[in-house]
Amino acid sequence: MAEDNRGEQPEEERKRRKGFFIPLLITLSVLLMLGAIGMWGYSQIFPPQENAQRDIEGNWVVPEDPEEWTPEIIAEMDPEPEISGKRFRVPAVGLDAPLGAMNAVKNVINPPGFRSVFWIRNMGVSLDRADQGTVYMAAHSLRNGGVGPGNYLIDVENARGKVPIGAEMYADNVKYRVTEVISVPKTKLDEKVEVWDATVPGRIVVVTCLQRPNNGRSVNNIVVVGVLDALYGQ
């Protein structure tokens, strides 16, 4: 994991380090029939700047395009970065993150934080109606030392998802079982019409970026699909 230098540094040292480390761009661009989902950010290992937030392990993270988090867009997102007491857990891979909520804005999802898994309110159904349709969630993954919830879901070295089929997945107190983990080029995910069928009952869809061993820009998405535990194996 990258060093997290939070202490004071001489001005020349800060400039030297800032010039040395390349901004770490994380993108998730999912083309839907209705538009595009995008998520991005980069890990920063020098003192934080404006718009910086902590990732799940305390590293500083900032959005690649801060204009995507303008006050107007944030207001439309109506974000809850952490819903009190609610967690998203996948014990098999060690993921235990806050559960947040937000709205897609103009068919774009740009989660307003790097620590939580976000339920998308205006896509699919809510968890209290989980048996009636598909619940959609998304999370950032980061590279070069940044750690978002999505990092727990991916196997970077082998270029695939990390969550085993049959693994338990908890969205608050709703228990799912993983039925499918797919890697899809970002430009092709719009063709996965079945993923975006919000009427499928008892299903959850979680999307994140698949990072690359060379720390280049992410070009694929990992989609983790599950069904309610009561439906697993039927």
Protein backbone atom coordinates (compact mmCIF):
# COMPACT_ATOMS: atom_id res chain seq x y z
CA MET A 1 0.00 0.00 0.00
CA ALA A 2 1.26 3.49 -0.75
CA GLU A 3 2.76 5.55 2.03
CA ASP A 4 0.27 8.04 3.50
CA ASN A 5 2.23 11.17 4.39
CA ARG A 6 -0.08 13.25 6.50
CA GLY A 7 2.52 15.22 8.42
CA GLU A 8 4.00 18.61 7.60
CA GLN A 9 6.60 18.64 4.82
CA PRO A 10 8.93 21.40 3.58
CA GLU A 11 7.55 23.26 0.59
CA GLU A 12 10.30 22.02 -1.75
CA GLU A 13 9.73 18.42 -0.62
CA ARG A 14 5.98 18.70 -1.21
CA LYS A 15 6.56 20.05 -4.70
CA ARG A 16 9.11 17.34 -5.47
CA ARG A 17 6.77 14.56 -4.33
CA LYS A 18 3.79 16.07 -6.07
CA GLY A 19 5.72 16.24 -9.33
CA PHE A 20 6.94 12.66 -8.96
CA PHE A 21 3.70 10.84 -8.38
CA ILE A 22 1.27 10.57 -11.27
CA PRO A 23 -2.38 11.25 -10.39
CA LEU A 24 -4.10 7.92 -10.04
CA LEU A 25 -7.14 7.97 -12.24
CA ILE A 26 -9.93 5.51 -11.44
CA THR A 27 -12.78 5.28 -13.91
CA LEU A 28 -15.96 3.34 -14.12
CA SER A 29 -17.96 4.22 -17.22
CA VAL A 30 -20.96 1.98 -17.77
CA LEU A 31 -23.04 2.74 -20.85
CA LEU A 32 -26.69 2.03 -20.16
CA MET A 33 -29.62 2.19 -22.53
CA LEU A 34 -30.59 5.36 -20.67
CA GLY A 35 -27.16 6.93 -20.33
CA ALA A 36 -23.82 6.41 -18.62
CA ILE A 37 -22.64 5.51 -15.15
CA GLY A 38 -19.26 6.94 -14.23
CA MET A 39 -17.11 6.78 -11.11
CA TRP A 40 -13.57 7.97 -10.69
CA GLY A 41 -11.00 9.31 -8.27
CA TYR A 42 -7.34 9.03 -7.46
CA SER A 43 -5.30 8.26 -4.39
CA GLN A 44 -3.09 11.06 -3.16
CA ILE A 45 -0.05 10.40 -0.99
CA PHE A 46 0.96 13.97 -0.16
CA PRO A 47 -0.88 16.44 2.12
CA PRO A 48 -4.58 16.73 1.19
CA GLN A 49 -5.94 19.42 -1.06
CA GLU A 50 -9.39 20.88 -1.52
CA ASN A 51 -12.14 18.26 -2.10
CA ALA A 52 -10.02 15.50 -0.54
CA GLN A 53 -11.73 12.65 1.29
CA ARG A 54 -10.46 9.56 3.07
CA ASP A 55 -10.71 6.15 1.48
CA ILE A 56 -11.65 3.04 3.44
CA GLU A 57 -8.11 2.71 4.85
CA GLY A 58 -7.52 6.39 5.58
CA ASN A 59 -5.63 7.41 2.43
CA TRP A 60 -6.49 10.78 0.92
CA VAL A 61 -8.60 10.59 -2.25
CA VAL A 62 -9.86 13.36 -4.52
CA PRO A 63 -12.17 13.27 -7.56
CA GLU A 64 -10.46 13.38 -10.93
CA ASP A 65 -13.04 15.90 -12.13
CA PRO A 66 -14.10 18.02 -9.13
CA GLU A 67 -16.67 19.83 -11.29
CA GLU A 68 -18.68 16.61 -11.21
CA TRP A 69 -19.23 17.24 -7.49
CA THR A 70 -20.56 20.77 -7.72
CA PRO A 71 -23.05 21.87 -5.04
CA GLU A 72 -25.84 21.61 -7.60
CA ILE A 73 -24.99 18.02 -8.54
CA ILE A 74 -24.51 17.05 -4.91
CA ALA A 75 -27.96 18.47 -4.14
CA GLU A 76 -29.48 16.30 -6.88
CA MET A 77 -27.61 13.26 -5.60
CA ASP A 78 -29.14 13.85 -2.15
CA PRO A 79 -26.31 11.73 -0.74
CA GLU A 80 -26.17 9.81 2.50
CA PRO A 81 -22.51 8.75 2.60
CA GLU A 82 -23.24 6.54 5.58
CA ILE A 83 -26.73 5.46 6.62
CA SER A 84 -26.61 5.21 10.38
CA GLY A 85 -25.87 1.69 11.55
CA LYS A 86 -26.18 0.06 8.11
CA ARG A 87 -23.34 -1.93 6.56
CA PHE A 88 -22.54 -3.75 3.34
CA ARG A 89 -20.62 -6.97 3.98
CA VAL A 90 -19.06 -9.77 1.98
CA PRO A 91 -17.34 -11.89 4.65
CA ALA A 92 -15.60 -14.18 2.16
CA VAL A 93 -13.40 -11.31 0.94
CA GLY A 94 -13.24 -9.29 4.15
CA LEU A 95 -15.43 -6.42 2.97
CA ASP A 96 -17.31 -4.60 5.74
CA ALA A 97 -18.13 -1.05 4.67
CA PRO A 98 -20.72 1.56 5.50
CA LEU A 99 -23.86 1.44 3.40
CA GLY A 100 -24.67 4.79 1.82
CA ALA A 101 -27.36 6.01 -0.55
CA MET A 102 -27.56 8.44 -3.44
CA ASN A 103 -29.48 9.25 -6.60
CA ALA A 104 -28.21 8.89 -10.14
CA VAL A 105 -28.12 12.35 -11.73
CA LYS A 106 -29.03 12.54 -15.43
CA ASN A 107 -28.34 8.80 -15.66
CA VAL A 108 -24.85 9.22 -14.22
CA ILE A 109 -23.70 7.61 -10.99
CA ASN A 110 -20.76 9.29 -9.30
CA PRO A 111 -20.74 8.15 -5.66
CA PRO A 112 -19.88 11.07 -3.40
CA GLY A 113 -17.43 9.13 -1.26
CA PHE A 114 -14.72 6.48 -1.28
CA ARG A 115 -15.50 4.60 1.93
CA SER A 116 -19.04 3.34 1.36
CA VAL A 117 -21.01 1.08 -0.95
CA PHE A 118 -23.87 3.17 -2.32
CA TRP A 119 -27.42 2.03 -2.92
CA ILE A 120 -28.83 3.82 -5.99
CA ARG A 121 -32.25 5.02 -4.87
CA ASN A 122 -33.67 5.87 -8.27
CA MET A 123 -32.70 2.61 -9.97
CA GLY A 124 -34.47 -0.64 -9.21
CA VAL A 125 -36.04 -1.19 -5.80
CA SER A 126 -35.18 -0.48 -2.18
CA LEU A 127 -33.98 -3.11 0.27
CA ASP A 128 -37.34 -3.23 2.01
CA ARG A 129 -38.79 -4.37 -1.33
CA ALA A 130 -35.87 -6.65 -2.21
CA ASP A 131 -38.14 -9.56 -3.13
CA GLN A 132 -39.94 -7.44 -5.74
CA GLY A 133 -37.08 -6.35 -8.01
CA THR A 134 -33.37 -5.64 -8.43
CA VAL A 135 -31.37 -3.59 -5.94
CA TYR A 136 -28.53 -1.64 -7.57
CA MET A 137 -25.33 -0.65 -5.79
CA ALA A 138 -21.97 0.76 -6.80
CA ALA A 139 -18.63 1.51 -5.19
CA HIS A 140 -15.28 2.96 -6.06
CA SER A 141 -12.16 0.87 -6.47
CA LEU A 142 -8.80 2.65 -6.45
CA ARG A 143 -5.21 1.92 -7.43
CA ASN A 144 -1.63 2.71 -6.43
CA GLY A 145 -2.33 2.53 -2.72
CA GLY A 146 -5.90 3.81 -2.61
CA VAL A 147 -8.44 1.34 -1.25
CA GLY A 148 -12.15 1.66 -1.91
CA PRO A 149 -14.81 -0.95 -1.11
CA GLY A 150 -14.57 -2.14 -4.70
CA ASN A 151 -10.96 -3.24 -4.19
CA TYR A 152 -12.19 -6.07 -1.99
CA LEU A 153 -14.31 -7.39 -4.86
CA ILE A 154 -11.56 -7.63 -7.48
CA ASP A 155 -8.52 -9.82 -8.14
CA VAL A 156 -6.21 -7.40 -9.94
CA GLU A 157 -3.37 -9.80 -10.68
CA ASN A 158 -5.67 -12.33 -12.35
CA ALA A 159 -7.92 -9.71 -13.98
CA ARG A 160 -11.18 -11.04 -12.57
CA GLY A 161 -13.66 -10.73 -9.76
CA LYS A 162 -12.64 -12.06 -6.37
CA VAL A 163 -15.97 -13.00 -4.77
CA PRO A 164 -16.66 -16.75 -4.96
CA ILE A 165 -19.95 -18.08 -6.27
CA GLY A 166 -22.23 -18.92 -3.36
CA ALA A 167 -20.60 -16.37 -1.05
CA GLU A 168 -22.86 -14.57 1.41
CA MET A 169 -23.43 -10.89 0.73
CA TYR A 170 -25.28 -8.66 3.20
CA ALA A 171 -26.89 -5.33 2.35
CA ASP A 172 -27.87 -4.13 5.80
CA ASN A 173 -29.81 -7.12 7.18
CA VAL A 174 -30.81 -8.50 3.76
CA LYS A 175 -28.84 -11.64 2.94
CA TYR A 176 -27.94 -12.52 -0.63
CA ARG A 177 -25.90 -15.30 -2.23
CA VAL A 178 -23.55 -14.56 -5.11
CA THR A 179 -24.66 -16.27 -8.33
CA GLU A 180 -22.48 -14.62 -10.95
CA VAL A 181 -19.32 -12.49 -11.15
CA ILE A 182 -18.56 -11.11 -14.58
CA SER A 183 -15.89 -8.92 -16.15
CA VAL A 184 -17.19 -6.73 -18.93
CA PRO A 185 -15.45 -4.09 -21.06
CA LYS A 186 -16.84 -0.73 -20.07
CA THR A 187 -17.92 -0.05 -23.63
CA LYS A 188 -19.89 -3.31 -23.75
CA LEU A 189 -21.78 -3.30 -20.48
CA ASP A 190 -24.71 -1.53 -22.11
CA GLU A 191 -25.21 -4.73 -24.14
CA LYS A 192 -25.77 -6.72 -20.94
CA VAL A 193 -29.48 -5.96 -21.04
CA GLU A 194 -30.19 -8.60 -18.41
CA VAL A 195 -28.08 -6.69 -15.88
CA TRP A 196 -30.27 -3.62 -16.20
CA ASP A 197 -33.62 -5.40 -15.99
CA ALA A 198 -34.81 -3.89 -12.71
CA THR A 199 -37.87 -6.14 -12.62
CA VAL A 200 -35.92 -9.32 -11.76
CA PRO A 201 -37.18 -10.19 -8.26
CA GLY A 202 -34.87 -10.86 -5.35
CA ARG A 203 -31.69 -9.79 -7.14
CA ILE A 204 -28.79 -7.46 -6.30
CA VAL A 205 -26.28 -5.98 -8.75
CA VAL A 206 -23.04 -4.41 -7.49
CA VAL A 207 -20.71 -2.64 -9.94
CA THR A 208 -17.11 -1.49 -9.56
CA CYS A 209 -13.95 -1.03 -11.66
CA LEU A 210 -11.52 -3.84 -12.37
CA GLN A 211 -8.09 -2.33 -11.84
CA ARG A 212 -4.99 -3.38 -13.77
CA PRO A 213 -1.66 -4.77 -12.51
CA ASN A 214 0.28 -2.04 -14.35
CA ASN A 215 -1.82 0.67 -12.65
CA GLY A 216 -3.11 1.85 -16.00
CA ARG A 217 -6.62 3.16 -16.40
CA SER A 218 -9.36 0.67 -15.74
CA VAL A 219 -10.98 -0.61 -18.93
CA ASN A 220 -13.30 -3.28 -17.51
CA ASN A 221 -16.05 -3.45 -14.95
CA ILE A 222 -16.69 -6.19 -12.44
CA VAL A 223 -20.36 -6.92 -11.85
CA VAL A 224 -21.27 -9.02 -8.82
CA VAL A 225 -24.78 -10.46 -9.04
CA GLY A 226 -26.63 -12.17 -6.22
CA VAL A 227 -30.06 -13.41 -5.24
CA LEU A 228 -31.86 -13.47 -1.92
CA ASP A 229 -30.58 -16.29 0.23
CA ALA A 230 -34.04 -17.88 0.27
CA LEU A 231 -33.93 -18.10 -3.54
CA TYR A 232 -30.40 -19.45 -3.87
CA GLY A 233 -30.26 -22.79 -5.63
CA GLN A 234 -33.81 -22.60 -6.91
